[in-house]
Amino acid sequence: MSAVVEKKVTVQVGERQLVLSNLDKPLYGNGFSKSEVVHYYAKIGPVMLPHLRGRPATVVRFPDGTAGEAFFEKNLPRGAPDWIQTVTLPSSGSRSGRGPGTITYPLIEDLPSLVWAANLAALELHVHQWTVGPGPKRQAPDRLVFDLDPGEGASIVECARVAERLLEVLTADGLTPLPKTSGSKGLQVCCGVKTRRPERTSAYAKAIAEQLAGEMPELVVSKMAKTLRTNKVLIDWSQNHVAKTTIAPYSLRGRDTPTASTPITWDEVRACRTPSELTFTADDVLHRVDEHGDLLAELAGTRVTLPER
């Protein structure tokens, strides 16, 4: 029995040289390879990186592809290049990583860092609603997110109907909501906000979720219990907690096919009548960016003080 030889190639990405491995390895059930994953992230980088900079990254790695075991990784892995930017912060959980009560997160700040992550089969990149800096200091949240998650019997179509009402409520509060797909089954609605109290975003999002659950009880729930969610949409407000992360804009997802979390327009939300209309693969996303640019570009420039609720 012959040994498996790991194939490696050295590439230049910006000012950095990276050693990439096993580029012909399929990572998705449809044959989408690591080479295609790296290509996608290299191409999407210019619009994706502004949504990653300054935000500690948690990745989900699929070393044997999406049909194999996956694992979340918060700490910078051993053997990472010394030029990868990092930040060490207190851990919110019981597992401390590389120091007592701390996690050393990677910061995906540039294209070489993004390609490096892709080479680790880090298909999914998740980030917080807050940034860090200067130094190892967590800033107050600058984003608000509502994750619309369909229960059994519901789909992204029902999420779109809930998102339409969410748009009305948030706009009335002076916010500028922007939608994106989760890349999985649901939708997310994001807003740029200003607040000095980190707990305020969760409290505000919870109040909005409970309001819509009261208005639309046949379609919306604000509690996590799966027994309540059949044929309904959960408005998951908890992703605004300082310890939680959300799938980053443009990130791939670890599904059978290489779908991605895709910024969309409100016209597309209103028009959605079948799940396929709001399902986008890596190739789709690259074409959309060529046509529309970054549909979430307004997120940073439309930040307003979080209203009281």
C-alpha atoms as a PDB file:
ATOM      1  CA  MET A   1       0.000   0.000   0.000  1.00  0.00           C
ATOM      2  CA  SER A   2       1.542   3.283  -1.087  1.00  0.00           C
ATOM      3  CA  ALA A   3       1.596   6.365   1.111  1.00  0.00           C
ATOM      4  CA  VAL A   4      -0.577   9.342   0.203  1.00  0.00           C
ATOM      5  CA  VAL A   5       1.611  12.220  -0.949  1.00  0.00           C
ATOM      6  CA  GLU A   6       0.355  15.657  -0.002  1.00  0.00           C
ATOM      7  CA  LYS A   7       0.590  17.937  -3.031  1.00  0.00           C
ATOM      8  CA  LYS A   8       1.822  21.463  -2.294  1.00  0.00           C
ATOM      9  CA  VAL A   9       2.276  24.580  -4.370  1.00  0.00           C
ATOM     10  CA  THR A  10       3.776  27.976  -3.482  1.00  0.00           C
ATOM     11  CA  VAL A  11       1.839  31.056  -4.606  1.00  0.00           C
ATOM     12  CA  GLN A  12       2.297  34.797  -4.263  1.00  0.00           C
ATOM     13  CA  VAL A  13      -0.647  36.639  -2.713  1.00  0.00           C
ATOM     14  CA  GLY A  14       0.050  40.341  -2.441  1.00  0.00           C
ATOM     15  CA  GLU A  15       3.346  40.686  -0.565  1.00  0.00           C
ATOM     16  CA  ARG A  16       3.146  37.199   0.962  1.00  0.00           C
ATOM     17  CA  GLN A  17       4.168  33.761  -0.224  1.00  0.00           C
ATOM     18  CA  LEU A  18       1.799  30.991   0.802  1.00  0.00           C
ATOM     19  CA  VAL A  19       2.162  27.238   0.545  1.00  0.00           C
ATOM     20  CA  LEU A  20      -1.162  25.733  -0.511  1.00  0.00           C
ATOM     21  CA  SER A  21      -1.880  22.018  -0.287  1.00  0.00           C
ATOM     22  CA  ASN A  22      -4.165  19.436  -1.906  1.00  0.00           C
ATOM     23  CA  LEU A  23      -5.835  21.944  -4.195  1.00  0.00           C
ATOM     24  CA  ASP A  24      -7.527  19.235  -6.257  1.00  0.00           C
ATOM     25  CA  LYS A  25      -9.277  17.754  -3.201  1.00  0.00           C
ATOM     26  CA  PRO A  26     -13.101  17.930  -3.493  1.00  0.00           C
ATOM     27  CA  LEU A  27     -14.589  19.730  -0.491  1.00  0.00           C
ATOM     28  CA  TYR A  28     -18.244  19.671  -1.585  1.00  0.00           C
ATOM     29  CA  GLY A  29     -20.441  16.841  -2.724  1.00  0.00           C
ATOM     30  CA  ASN A  30     -20.745  18.313  -6.210  1.00  0.00           C
ATOM     31  CA  GLY A  31     -16.961  18.141  -6.634  1.00  0.00           C
ATOM     32  CA  PHE A  32     -16.214  21.795  -5.833  1.00  0.00           C
ATOM     33  CA  SER A  33     -12.535  21.577  -4.906  1.00  0.00           C
ATOM     34  CA  LYS A  34     -10.222  23.317  -2.490  1.00  0.00           C
ATOM     35  CA  SER A  35      -8.721  25.117  -5.493  1.00  0.00           C
ATOM     36  CA  GLU A  36     -12.159  26.543  -6.290  1.00  0.00           C
ATOM     37  CA  VAL A  37     -12.679  27.523  -2.646  1.00  0.00           C
ATOM     38  CA  VAL A  38      -9.359  29.384  -2.619  1.00  0.00           C
ATOM     39  CA  HIS A  39     -10.209  31.015  -5.957  1.00  0.00           C
ATOM     40  CA  TYR A  40     -13.586  32.156  -4.620  1.00  0.00           C
ATOM     41  CA  TYR A  41     -12.123  33.750  -1.507  1.00  0.00           C
ATOM     42  CA  ALA A  42      -9.318  35.382  -3.490  1.00  0.00           C
ATOM     43  CA  LYS A  43     -11.867  36.919  -5.873  1.00  0.00           C
ATOM     44  CA  ILE A  44     -14.443  37.925  -3.238  1.00  0.00           C
ATOM     45  CA  GLY A  45     -11.809  39.386  -0.919  1.00  0.00           C
ATOM     46  CA  PRO A  46     -12.113  43.057  -1.956  1.00  0.00           C
ATOM     47  CA  VAL A  47     -15.793  43.227  -0.947  1.00  0.00           C
ATOM     48  CA  MET A  48     -15.607  40.716   1.923  1.00  0.00           C
ATOM     49  CA  LEU A  49     -12.601  42.066   3.807  1.00  0.00           C
ATOM     50  CA  PRO A  50     -14.226  45.356   4.918  1.00  0.00           C
ATOM     51  CA  HIS A  51     -16.795  43.225   6.785  1.00  0.00           C
ATOM     52  CA  LEU A  52     -14.044  41.203   8.490  1.00  0.00           C
ATOM     53  CA  ARG A  53     -11.442  43.808   9.452  1.00  0.00           C
ATOM     54  CA  GLY A  54     -11.124  44.397  13.157  1.00  0.00           C
ATOM     55  CA  ARG A  55     -13.465  41.530  14.009  1.00  0.00           C
ATOM     56  CA  PRO A  56     -12.089  38.436  15.769  1.00  0.00           C
ATOM     57  CA  ALA A  57     -12.826  35.492  13.488  1.00  0.00           C
ATOM     58  CA  THR A  58     -14.171  32.082  14.399  1.00  0.00           C
ATOM     59  CA  VAL A  59     -13.838  29.595  11.547  1.00  0.00           C
ATOM     60  CA  VAL A  60     -15.515  26.296  10.809  1.00  0.00           C
ATOM     61  CA  ARG A  61     -13.056  23.909   9.197  1.00  0.00           C
ATOM     62  CA  PHE A  62     -13.952  20.938   6.983  1.00  0.00           C
ATOM     63  CA  PRO A  63     -10.627  19.136   6.466  1.00  0.00           C
ATOM     64  CA  ASP A  64     -12.362  16.153   4.810  1.00  0.00           C
ATOM     65  CA  GLY A  65     -14.978  18.201   3.001  1.00  0.00           C
ATOM     66  CA  THR A  66     -18.569  18.906   3.944  1.00  0.00           C
ATOM     67  CA  ALA A  67     -19.382  15.194   4.108  1.00  0.00           C
ATOM     68  CA  GLY A  68     -16.792  14.724   6.844  1.00  0.00           C
ATOM     69  CA  GLU A  69     -16.349  16.001  10.381  1.00  0.00           C
ATOM     70  CA  ALA A  70     -16.289  19.750  10.910  1.00  0.00           C
ATOM     71  CA  PHE A  71     -15.032  21.756  13.865  1.00  0.00           C
ATOM     72  CA  PHE A  72     -15.224  25.332  15.121  1.00  0.00           C
ATOM     73  CA  GLU A  73     -11.870  26.960  15.770  1.00  0.00           C
ATOM     74  CA  LYS A  74     -11.468  30.227  17.663  1.00  0.00           C
ATOM     75  CA  ASN A  75      -7.775  30.107  18.577  1.00  0.00           C
ATOM     76  CA  LEU A  76      -5.158  30.748  15.936  1.00  0.00           C
ATOM     77  CA  PRO A  77      -3.972  27.250  14.961  1.00  0.00           C
ATOM     78  CA  ARG A  78      -0.417  26.148  15.645  1.00  0.00           C
ATOM     79  CA  GLY A  79       1.892  26.643  12.717  1.00  0.00           C
ATOM     80  CA  ALA A  80       0.095  29.754  11.465  1.00  0.00           C
ATOM     81  CA  PRO A  81       2.342  32.320   9.752  1.00  0.00           C
ATOM     82  CA  ASP A  82       3.680  34.980  12.102  1.00  0.00           C
ATOM     83  CA  TRP A  83       2.229  37.711   9.910  1.00  0.00           C
ATOM     84  CA  ILE A  84      -1.366  36.740  10.660  1.00  0.00           C
ATOM     85  CA  GLN A  85      -2.794  39.503  12.859  1.00  0.00           C
ATOM     86  CA  THR A  86      -4.261  38.344  16.164  1.00  0.00           C
ATOM     87  CA  VAL A  87      -5.975  39.645  19.265  1.00  0.00           C
ATOM     88  CA  THR A  88      -6.052  37.946  22.665  1.00  0.00           C
ATOM     89  CA  LEU A  89      -9.253  38.450  24.606  1.00  0.00           C
ATOM     90  CA  PRO A  90     -10.840  36.958  27.728  1.00  0.00           C
ATOM     91  CA  SER A  91     -12.777  33.782  27.049  1.00  0.00           C
ATOM     92  CA  SER A  92     -16.509  33.858  27.696  1.00  0.00           C
ATOM     93  CA  GLY A  93     -16.578  30.071  28.119  1.00  0.00           C
ATOM     94  CA  SER A  94     -14.876  27.468  30.270  1.00  0.00           C
ATOM     95  CA  ARG A  95     -12.299  26.390  27.682  1.00  0.00           C
ATOM     96  CA  SER A  96      -9.414  28.777  27.735  1.00  0.00           C
ATOM     97  CA  GLY A  97      -7.353  27.884  24.675  1.00  0.00           C
ATOM     98  CA  ARG A  98      -3.748  29.012  25.007  1.00  0.00           C
ATOM     99  CA  GLY A  99      -3.881  30.856  28.275  1.00  0.00           C
ATOM    100  CA  PRO A 100      -5.952  30.898  31.424  1.00  0.00           C
ATOM    101  CA  GLY A 101      -9.273  32.373  30.412  1.00  0.00           C
ATOM    102  CA  THR A 102      -8.127  33.772  27.075  1.00  0.00           C
ATOM    103  CA  ILE A 103      -8.558  33.108  23.357  1.00  0.00           C
ATOM    104  CA  THR A 104      -6.089  34.254  20.703  1.00  0.00           C
ATOM    105  CA  TYR A 105      -8.290  35.007  17.711  1.00  0.00           C
ATOM    106  CA  PRO A 106      -7.055  35.507  14.155  1.00  0.00           C
ATOM    107  CA  LEU A 107      -7.968  38.788  12.505  1.00  0.00           C
ATOM    108  CA  ILE A 108      -8.597  38.303   8.797  1.00  0.00           C
ATOM    109  CA  GLU A 109      -7.318  41.720   7.769  1.00  0.00           C
ATOM    110  CA  ASP A 110      -6.006  41.213   4.250  1.00  0.00           C
ATOM    111  CA  LEU A 111      -6.126  38.970   1.202  1.00  0.00           C
ATOM    112  CA  PRO A 112      -3.183  36.735   2.196  1.00  0.00           C
ATOM    113  CA  SER A 113      -4.900  36.022   5.536  1.00  0.00           C
ATOM    114  CA  LEU A 114      -8.139  35.148   3.759  1.00  0.00           C
ATOM    115  CA  VAL A 115      -6.395  32.789   1.346  1.00  0.00           C
ATOM    116  CA  TRP A 116      -4.483  31.243   4.259  1.00  0.00           C
ATOM    117  CA  ALA A 117      -7.788  30.490   5.998  1.00  0.00           C
ATOM    118  CA  ALA A 118      -9.250  29.020   2.799  1.00  0.00           C
ATOM    119  CA  ASN A 119      -6.255  26.695   2.506  1.00  0.00           C
ATOM    120  CA  LEU A 120      -7.116  25.327   5.966  1.00  0.00           C
ATOM    121  CA  ALA A 121     -10.522  24.316   4.550  1.00  0.00           C
ATOM    122  CA  ALA A 122     -12.040  27.014   6.759  1.00  0.00           C
ATOM    123  CA  LEU A 123     -15.125  27.186   4.578  1.00  0.00           C
ATOM    124  CA  GLU A 124     -17.144  29.263   7.051  1.00  0.00           C
ATOM    125  CA  LEU A 125     -16.024  32.520   8.670  1.00  0.00           C
ATOM    126  CA  HIS A 126     -18.066  33.861  11.570  1.00  0.00           C
ATOM    127  CA  VAL A 127     -17.586  37.277  13.189  1.00  0.00           C
ATOM    128  CA  HIS A 128     -18.896  39.297  16.121  1.00  0.00           C
ATOM    129  CA  GLN A 129     -21.081  42.408  15.941  1.00  0.00           C
ATOM    130  CA  TRP A 130     -18.218  44.411  17.475  1.00  0.00           C
ATOM    131  CA  THR A 131     -14.629  45.273  16.601  1.00  0.00           C
ATOM    132  CA  VAL A 132     -11.404  45.451  18.580  1.00  0.00           C
ATOM    133  CA  GLY A 133      -8.762  48.116  18.913  1.00  0.00           C
ATOM    134  CA  PRO A 134      -6.650  49.915  19.509  1.00  0.00           C
ATOM    135  CA  GLY A 135      -4.887  46.982  21.119  1.00  0.00           C
ATOM    136  CA  PRO A 136      -6.757  44.098  22.803  1.00  0.00           C
ATOM    137  CA  LYS A 137      -9.802  46.184  23.606  1.00  0.00           C
ATOM    138  CA  ARG A 138     -13.327  45.192  22.624  1.00  0.00           C
ATOM    139  CA  GLN A 139     -15.356  48.089  21.296  1.00  0.00           C
ATOM    140  CA  ALA A 140     -19.103  48.532  21.729  1.00  0.00           C
ATOM    141  CA  PRO A 141     -21.241  46.837  19.055  1.00  0.00           C
ATOM    142  CA  ASP A 142     -21.527  48.673  15.751  1.00  0.00           C
ATOM    143  CA  ARG A 143     -23.885  46.170  14.112  1.00  0.00           C
ATOM    144  CA  LEU A 144     -27.321  44.843  14.905  1.00  0.00           C
ATOM    145  CA  VAL A 145     -28.416  41.540  13.361  1.00  0.00           C
ATOM    146  CA  PHE A 146     -31.705  39.649  13.205  1.00  0.00           C
ATOM    147  CA  ASP A 147     -31.261  36.034  12.143  1.00  0.00           C
ATOM    148  CA  LEU A 148     -34.478  34.714  10.598  1.00  0.00           C
ATOM    149  CA  ASP A 149     -34.355  30.941  10.954  1.00  0.00           C
ATOM    150  CA  PRO A 150     -37.154  28.829   9.429  1.00  0.00           C
ATOM    151  CA  GLY A 151     -38.444  25.881  11.426  1.00  0.00           C
ATOM    152  CA  GLU A 152     -39.585  22.588   9.931  1.00  0.00           C
ATOM    153  CA  GLY A 153     -42.233  23.223   7.293  1.00  0.00           C
ATOM    154  CA  ALA A 154     -41.057  26.786   6.645  1.00  0.00           C
ATOM    155  CA  SER A 155     -38.368  28.120   4.305  1.00  0.00           C
ATOM    156  CA  ILE A 156     -36.608  31.281   3.254  1.00  0.00           C
ATOM    157  CA  VAL A 157     -39.892  32.303   1.595  1.00  0.00           C
ATOM    158  CA  GLU A 158     -41.547  32.694   5.009  1.00  0.00           C
ATOM    159  CA  CYS A 159     -38.382  34.442   6.226  1.00  0.00           C
ATOM    160  CA  ALA A 160     -38.825  36.964   3.420  1.00  0.00           C
ATOM    161  CA  ARG A 161     -42.354  37.786   4.587  1.00  0.00           C
ATOM    162  CA  VAL A 162     -41.094  38.340   8.137  1.00  0.00           C
ATOM    163  CA  ALA A 163     -38.210  40.444   6.820  1.00  0.00           C
ATOM    164  CA  GLU A 164     -40.654  42.747   5.022  1.00  0.00           C
ATOM    165  CA  ARG A 165     -42.370  43.554   8.326  1.00  0.00           C
ATOM    166  CA  LEU A 166     -39.015  43.862  10.066  1.00  0.00           C
ATOM    167  CA  LEU A 167     -37.998  46.443   7.457  1.00  0.00           C
ATOM    168  CA  GLU A 168     -41.051  48.546   8.292  1.00  0.00           C
ATOM    169  CA  VAL A 169     -40.434  48.438  12.050  1.00  0.00           C
ATOM    170  CA  LEU A 170     -36.715  49.153  11.885  1.00  0.00           C
ATOM    171  CA  THR A 171     -37.102  51.934   9.327  1.00  0.00           C
ATOM    172  CA  ALA A 172     -39.703  53.580  11.561  1.00  0.00           C
ATOM    173  CA  ASP A 173     -37.090  53.527  14.331  1.00  0.00           C
ATOM    174  CA  GLY A 174     -34.640  55.410  12.095  1.00  0.00           C
ATOM    175  CA  LEU A 175     -32.428  52.459  11.193  1.00  0.00           C
ATOM    176  CA  THR A 176     -31.256  51.401   7.719  1.00  0.00           C
ATOM    177  CA  PRO A 177     -31.849  47.624   7.478  1.00  0.00           C
ATOM    178  CA  LEU A 178     -29.920  45.656   4.862  1.00  0.00           C
ATOM    179  CA  PRO A 179     -30.739  42.009   4.030  1.00  0.00           C
ATOM    180  CA  LYS A 180     -28.542  39.040   3.219  1.00  0.00           C
ATOM    181  CA  THR A 181     -29.110  35.346   2.955  1.00  0.00           C
ATOM    182  CA  SER A 182     -27.559  33.138   5.614  1.00  0.00           C
ATOM    183  CA  GLY A 183     -26.257  30.873   2.862  1.00  0.00           C
ATOM    184  CA  SER A 184     -28.093  28.035   4.586  1.00  0.00           C
ATOM    185  CA  LYS A 185     -31.883  28.110   5.068  1.00  0.00           C
ATOM    186  CA  GLY A 186     -32.670  31.591   6.307  1.00  0.00           C
ATOM    187  CA  LEU A 187     -32.259  35.340   6.008  1.00  0.00           C
ATOM    188  CA  GLN A 188     -30.472  37.942   8.087  1.00  0.00           C
ATOM    189  CA  VAL A 189     -31.275  41.621   8.459  1.00  0.00           C
ATOM    190  CA  CYS A 190     -28.370  43.865   9.491  1.00  0.00           C
ATOM    191  CA  CYS A 191     -28.171  47.491  10.629  1.00  0.00           C
ATOM    192  CA  GLY A 192     -25.309  49.809  11.525  1.00  0.00           C
ATOM    193  CA  VAL A 193     -25.748  51.159  15.061  1.00  0.00           C
ATOM    194  CA  LYS A 194     -24.061  53.226  17.743  1.00  0.00           C
ATOM    195  CA  THR A 195     -24.289  52.421  21.431  1.00  0.00           C
ATOM    196  CA  ARG A 196     -22.090  52.733  24.498  1.00  0.00           C
ATOM    197  CA  ARG A 197     -23.690  49.804  26.312  1.00  0.00           C
ATOM    198  CA  PRO A 198     -22.969  46.389  24.757  1.00  0.00           C
ATOM    199  CA  GLU A 199     -26.076  44.795  26.262  1.00  0.00           C
ATOM    200  CA  ARG A 200     -28.376  47.281  24.540  1.00  0.00           C
ATOM    201  CA  THR A 201     -28.264  45.621  21.114  1.00  0.00           C
ATOM    202  CA  SER A 202     -29.501  42.290  22.489  1.00  0.00           C
ATOM    203  CA  ALA A 203     -32.207  44.008  24.518  1.00  0.00           C
ATOM    204  CA  TYR A 204     -33.397  46.035  21.533  1.00  0.00           C
ATOM    205  CA  ALA A 205     -33.369  43.021  19.184  1.00  0.00           C
ATOM    206  CA  LYS A 206     -35.286  40.937  21.711  1.00  0.00           C
ATOM    207  CA  ALA A 207     -37.942  43.641  22.059  1.00  0.00           C
ATOM    208  CA  ILE A 208     -38.385  43.800  18.269  1.00  0.00           C
ATOM    209  CA  ALA A 209     -38.557  39.997  18.002  1.00  0.00           C
ATOM    210  CA  GLU A 210     -41.198  39.836  20.726  1.00  0.00           C
ATOM    211  CA  GLN A 211     -43.189  42.607  19.036  1.00  0.00           C
ATOM    212  CA  LEU A 212     -43.300  40.723  15.743  1.00  0.00           C
ATOM    213  CA  ALA A 213     -44.123  37.447  17.502  1.00  0.00           C
ATOM    214  CA  GLY A 214     -47.099  39.243  19.042  1.00  0.00           C
ATOM    215  CA  GLU A 215     -48.178  40.775  15.735  1.00  0.00           C
ATOM    216  CA  MET A 216     -47.681  37.651  13.611  1.00  0.00           C
ATOM    217  CA  PRO A 217     -48.141  34.659  15.957  1.00  0.00           C
ATOM    218  CA  GLU A 218     -49.071  32.380  13.058  1.00  0.00           C
ATOM    219  CA  LEU A 219     -45.656  32.975  11.469  1.00  0.00           C
ATOM    220  CA  VAL A 220     -43.135  34.286  14.028  1.00  0.00           C
ATOM    221  CA  VAL A 221     -41.634  33.023  17.281  1.00  0.00           C
ATOM    222  CA  SER A 222     -39.041  34.737  19.452  1.00  0.00           C
ATOM    223  CA  LYS A 223     -38.272  31.771  21.731  1.00  0.00           C
ATOM    224  CA  MET A 224     -35.694  29.124  20.799  1.00  0.00           C
ATOM    225  CA  ALA A 225     -37.698  26.000  21.673  1.00  0.00           C
ATOM    226  CA  LYS A 226     -37.937  23.800  18.561  1.00  0.00           C
ATOM    227  CA  THR A 227     -41.383  22.589  19.595  1.00  0.00           C
ATOM    228  CA  LEU A 228     -42.696  26.112  18.929  1.00  0.00           C
ATOM    229  CA  ARG A 229     -41.111  26.537  15.528  1.00  0.00           C
ATOM    230  CA  THR A 230     -42.950  24.164  13.151  1.00  0.00           C
ATOM    231  CA  ASN A 231     -44.114  26.135  10.071  1.00  0.00           C
ATOM    232  CA  LYS A 232     -42.789  29.319  11.674  1.00  0.00           C
ATOM    233  CA  VAL A 233     -39.765  31.596  11.601  1.00  0.00           C
ATOM    234  CA  LEU A 234     -37.603  32.152  14.649  1.00  0.00           C
ATOM    235  CA  ILE A 235     -36.314  35.715  14.954  1.00  0.00           C
ATOM    236  CA  ASP A 236     -33.035  34.892  16.653  1.00  0.00           C
ATOM    237  CA  TRP A 237     -32.102  38.077  18.493  1.00  0.00           C
ATOM    238  CA  SER A 238     -29.445  36.376  20.628  1.00  0.00           C
ATOM    239  CA  GLN A 239     -26.687  36.716  18.024  1.00  0.00           C
ATOM    240  CA  ASN A 240     -26.261  40.271  19.284  1.00  0.00           C
ATOM    241  CA  HIS A 241     -24.856  38.993  22.585  1.00  0.00           C
ATOM    242  CA  VAL A 242     -21.181  39.936  22.906  1.00  0.00           C
ATOM    243  CA  ALA A 243     -20.155  36.255  22.998  1.00  0.00           C
ATOM    244  CA  LYS A 244     -22.054  35.263  19.840  1.00  0.00           C
ATOM    245  CA  THR A 245     -20.984  35.329  16.211  1.00  0.00           C
ATOM    246  CA  THR A 246     -22.838  35.436  12.895  1.00  0.00           C
ATOM    247  CA  ILE A 247     -21.824  34.076   9.510  1.00  0.00           C
ATOM    248  CA  ALA A 248     -19.844  36.801   7.731  1.00  0.00           C
ATOM    249  CA  PRO A 249     -21.139  38.389   4.527  1.00  0.00           C
ATOM    250  CA  TYR A 250     -19.922  36.424   1.494  1.00  0.00           C
ATOM    251  CA  SER A 251     -18.767  33.434   3.571  1.00  0.00           C
ATOM    252  CA  LEU A 252     -19.301  30.011   2.072  1.00  0.00           C
ATOM    253  CA  ARG A 253     -21.366  27.491   4.032  1.00  0.00           C
ATOM    254  CA  GLY A 254     -20.552  23.864   4.729  1.00  0.00           C
ATOM    255  CA  ARG A 255     -23.461  22.321   2.840  1.00  0.00           C
ATOM    256  CA  ASP A 256     -23.724  19.863  -0.063  1.00  0.00           C
ATOM    257  CA  THR A 257     -23.109  22.656  -2.557  1.00  0.00           C
ATOM    258  CA  PRO A 258     -20.968  25.812  -2.159  1.00  0.00           C
ATOM    259  CA  THR A 259     -23.706  28.274  -1.237  1.00  0.00           C
ATOM    260  CA  ALA A 260     -22.706  31.575   0.362  1.00  0.00           C
ATOM    261  CA  SER A 261     -24.165  34.217   2.649  1.00  0.00           C
ATOM    262  CA  THR A 262     -25.211  36.708  -0.002  1.00  0.00           C
ATOM    263  CA  PRO A 263     -26.225  40.377   0.276  1.00  0.00           C
ATOM    264  CA  ILE A 264     -29.517  40.922  -1.541  1.00  0.00           C
ATOM    265  CA  THR A 265     -31.881  43.784  -2.318  1.00  0.00           C
ATOM    266  CA  TRP A 266     -35.228  44.490  -0.681  1.00  0.00           C
ATOM    267  CA  ASP A 267     -36.828  44.081  -4.106  1.00  0.00           C
ATOM    268  CA  GLU A 268     -35.485  40.515  -4.171  1.00  0.00           C
ATOM    269  CA  VAL A 269     -36.885  39.902  -0.693  1.00  0.00           C
ATOM    270  CA  ARG A 270     -40.333  41.162  -1.729  1.00  0.00           C
ATOM    271  CA  ALA A 271     -40.309  39.096  -4.933  1.00  0.00           C
ATOM    272  CA  CYS A 272     -39.233  35.814  -3.315  1.00  0.00           C
ATOM    273  CA  ARG A 273     -41.769  33.024  -3.816  1.00  0.00           C
ATOM    274  CA  THR A 274     -39.492  29.953  -3.973  1.00  0.00           C
ATOM    275  CA  PRO A 275     -36.297  29.115  -2.025  1.00  0.00           C
ATOM    276  CA  SER A 276     -34.281  28.811  -5.236  1.00  0.00           C
ATOM    277  CA  GLU A 277     -34.737  32.531  -5.895  1.00  0.00           C
ATOM    278  CA  LEU A 278     -32.607  33.369  -2.849  1.00  0.00           C
ATOM    279  CA  THR A 279     -30.079  30.541  -3.059  1.00  0.00           C
ATOM    280  CA  PHE A 280     -26.703  31.595  -4.423  1.00  0.00           C
ATOM    281  CA  THR A 281     -23.540  29.578  -5.067  1.00  0.00           C
ATOM    282  CA  ALA A 282     -19.981  30.898  -5.105  1.00  0.00           C
ATOM    283  CA  ASP A 283     -20.144  31.496  -8.850  1.00  0.00           C
ATOM    284  CA  ASP A 284     -23.484  33.302  -8.502  1.00  0.00           C
ATOM    285  CA  VAL A 285     -22.046  35.595  -5.846  1.00  0.00           C
ATOM    286  CA  LEU A 286     -19.041  36.559  -7.952  1.00  0.00           C
ATOM    287  CA  HIS A 287     -21.342  37.425 -10.857  1.00  0.00           C
ATOM    288  CA  ARG A 288     -23.589  39.450  -8.539  1.00  0.00           C
ATOM    289  CA  VAL A 289     -20.663  41.453  -7.208  1.00  0.00           C
ATOM    290  CA  ASP A 290     -19.537  42.193 -10.762  1.00  0.00           C
ATOM    291  CA  GLU A 291     -23.042  43.493 -11.473  1.00  0.00           C
ATOM    292  CA  HIS A 292     -24.047  45.191  -8.206  1.00  0.00           C
ATOM    293  CA  GLY A 293     -20.881  45.731  -6.184  1.00  0.00           C
ATOM    294  CA  ASP A 294     -21.212  45.284  -2.428  1.00  0.00           C
ATOM    295  CA  LEU A 295     -24.890  45.534  -1.501  1.00  0.00           C
ATOM    296  CA  LEU A 296     -23.846  45.835   2.161  1.00  0.00           C
ATOM    297  CA  ALA A 297     -21.479  48.751   1.551  1.00  0.00           C
ATOM    298  CA  GLU A 298     -23.912  51.106   3.321  1.00  0.00           C
ATOM    299  CA  LEU A 299     -23.686  49.197   6.587  1.00  0.00           C
ATOM    300  CA  ALA A 300     -20.824  51.229   8.066  1.00  0.00           C
ATOM    301  CA  GLY A 301     -22.022  54.576   6.730  1.00  0.00           C
ATOM    302  CA  THR A 302     -25.605  54.352   8.020  1.00  0.00           C
ATOM    303  CA  ARG A 303     -24.855  53.844  11.704  1.00  0.00           C
ATOM    304  CA  VAL A 304     -27.278  55.652  14.013  1.00  0.00           C
ATOM    305  CA  THR A 305     -27.751  55.708  17.758  1.00  0.00           C
ATOM    306  CA  LEU A 306     -29.719  52.653  18.847  1.00  0.00           C
ATOM    307  CA  PRO A 307     -33.281  53.726  19.715  1.00  0.00           C
ATOM    308  CA  GLU A 308     -34.814  53.072  23.118  1.00  0.00           C
ATOM    309  CA  ARG A 309     -37.383  50.274  23.357  1.00  0.00           C
END
